[in-house]
Amino acid sequence: MLDIAEKLNEIGAGLRSLAEPWADTTSPAGRMVLTVFAGMAEFERAPCAVTPDVHPADTRVGG
């Protein structure tokens, strides 16, 4: 969606939702909200490699 909004901006047009007031690329606040949402979506798609694989035997208490 950001790519579409950017292409529209290049030709002097904007994207404005009739149902969602935050989705308005014709205003600085609308572009910021759209950018934040795109960042959140990218973060959710990224694989979460927080902890390495742990063998069940390595999780025993005291051993």
C-alpha atoms as a PDB file:
ATOM      1  CA  MET A   1       0.000   0.000   0.000  1.00  0.00           C
ATOM      2  CA  LEU A   2       2.919   2.333   0.720  1.00  0.00           C
ATOM      3  CA  ASP A   3       4.261   1.715  -2.782  1.00  0.00           C
ATOM      4  CA  ILE A   4       0.906   2.668  -4.285  1.00  0.00           C
ATOM      5  CA  ALA A   5       0.713   5.781  -2.121  1.00  0.00           C
ATOM      6  CA  GLU A   6       4.236   6.778  -3.175  1.00  0.00           C
ATOM      7  CA  LYS A   7       3.465   6.301  -6.880  1.00  0.00           C
ATOM      8  CA  LEU A   8       0.333   8.404  -6.513  1.00  0.00           C
ATOM      9  CA  ASN A   9       2.349  11.085  -4.733  1.00  0.00           C
ATOM     10  CA  GLU A  10       4.876  11.151  -7.590  1.00  0.00           C
ATOM     11  CA  ILE A  11       2.145  12.091 -10.074  1.00  0.00           C
ATOM     12  CA  GLY A  12       0.624  14.664  -7.734  1.00  0.00           C
ATOM     13  CA  ALA A  13      -2.283  12.570  -6.481  1.00  0.00           C
ATOM     14  CA  GLY A  14      -3.123  11.222  -3.046  1.00  0.00           C
ATOM     15  CA  LEU A  15      -4.923   8.358  -1.398  1.00  0.00           C
ATOM     16  CA  ARG A  16      -7.846   9.144   0.876  1.00  0.00           C
ATOM     17  CA  SER A  17     -10.215   6.583   2.384  1.00  0.00           C
ATOM     18  CA  LEU A  18     -13.842   7.573   2.677  1.00  0.00           C
ATOM     19  CA  ALA A  19     -14.378   5.218   5.608  1.00  0.00           C
ATOM     20  CA  GLU A  20     -11.098   5.605   7.531  1.00  0.00           C
ATOM     21  CA  PRO A  21     -10.002   9.159   8.343  1.00  0.00           C
ATOM     22  CA  TRP A  22      -6.455   8.073   9.250  1.00  0.00           C
ATOM     23  CA  ALA A  23      -5.842   6.715   5.740  1.00  0.00           C
ATOM     24  CA  ASP A  24      -5.166  10.054   4.052  1.00  0.00           C
ATOM     25  CA  THR A  25      -1.862  10.480   2.245  1.00  0.00           C
ATOM     26  CA  THR A  26      -2.717  14.067   1.355  1.00  0.00           C
ATOM     27  CA  SER A  27      -1.871  15.212   4.901  1.00  0.00           C
ATOM     28  CA  PRO A  28       1.393  14.862   6.848  1.00  0.00           C
ATOM     29  CA  ALA A  29      -0.421  13.139   9.744  1.00  0.00           C
ATOM     30  CA  GLY A  30      -2.069  10.630   7.407  1.00  0.00           C
ATOM     31  CA  ARG A  31       1.267   9.778   5.757  1.00  0.00           C
ATOM     32  CA  MET A  32       2.835   9.293   9.190  1.00  0.00           C
ATOM     33  CA  VAL A  33       0.069   6.946  10.370  1.00  0.00           C
ATOM     34  CA  LEU A  34       0.267   4.922   7.165  1.00  0.00           C
ATOM     35  CA  THR A  35       4.042   4.645   7.551  1.00  0.00           C
ATOM     36  CA  VAL A  36       3.720   3.494  11.180  1.00  0.00           C
ATOM     37  CA  PHE A  37       1.146   0.859  10.214  1.00  0.00           C
ATOM     38  CA  ALA A  38       3.411  -0.387   7.422  1.00  0.00           C
ATOM     39  CA  GLY A  39       6.303  -0.670   9.891  1.00  0.00           C
ATOM     40  CA  MET A  40       4.157  -2.643  12.308  1.00  0.00           C
ATOM     41  CA  ALA A  41       3.042  -4.988   9.536  1.00  0.00           C
ATOM     42  CA  GLU A  42       6.656  -5.558   8.482  1.00  0.00           C
ATOM     43  CA  PHE A  43       7.620  -6.298  12.088  1.00  0.00           C
ATOM     44  CA  GLU A  44       4.832  -8.895  12.401  1.00  0.00           C
ATOM     45  CA  ARG A  45       5.934 -10.636   9.192  1.00  0.00           C
ATOM     46  CA  ALA A  46       9.559 -10.886  10.290  1.00  0.00           C
ATOM     47  CA  PRO A  47      10.575 -14.218  11.796  1.00  0.00           C
ATOM     48  CA  CYS A  48      11.081 -14.062  15.527  1.00  0.00           C
ATOM     49  CA  ALA A  49      14.390 -15.697  16.383  1.00  0.00           C
ATOM     50  CA  VAL A  50      14.524 -14.685  20.018  1.00  0.00           C
ATOM     51  CA  THR A  51      15.773 -17.921  21.557  1.00  0.00           C
ATOM     52  CA  PRO A  52      17.826 -20.697  19.989  1.00  0.00           C
ATOM     53  CA  ASP A  53      16.488 -24.226  19.827  1.00  0.00           C
ATOM     54  CA  VAL A  54      16.864 -25.898  23.219  1.00  0.00           C
ATOM     55  CA  HIS A  55      16.977 -29.638  23.612  1.00  0.00           C
ATOM     56  CA  PRO A  56      14.399 -30.867  26.203  1.00  0.00           C
ATOM     57  CA  ALA A  57      17.145 -32.645  28.160  1.00  0.00           C
ATOM     58  CA  ASP A  58      18.917 -29.315  28.652  1.00  0.00           C
ATOM     59  CA  THR A  59      15.921 -27.864  30.498  1.00  0.00           C
ATOM     60  CA  ARG A  60      16.043 -30.263  33.480  1.00  0.00           C
ATOM     61  CA  VAL A  61      16.458 -28.677  36.838  1.00  0.00           C
ATOM     62  CA  GLY A  62      19.860 -29.448  38.362  1.00  0.00           C
ATOM     63  CA  GLY A  63      21.227 -31.327  35.494  1.00  0.00           C
END
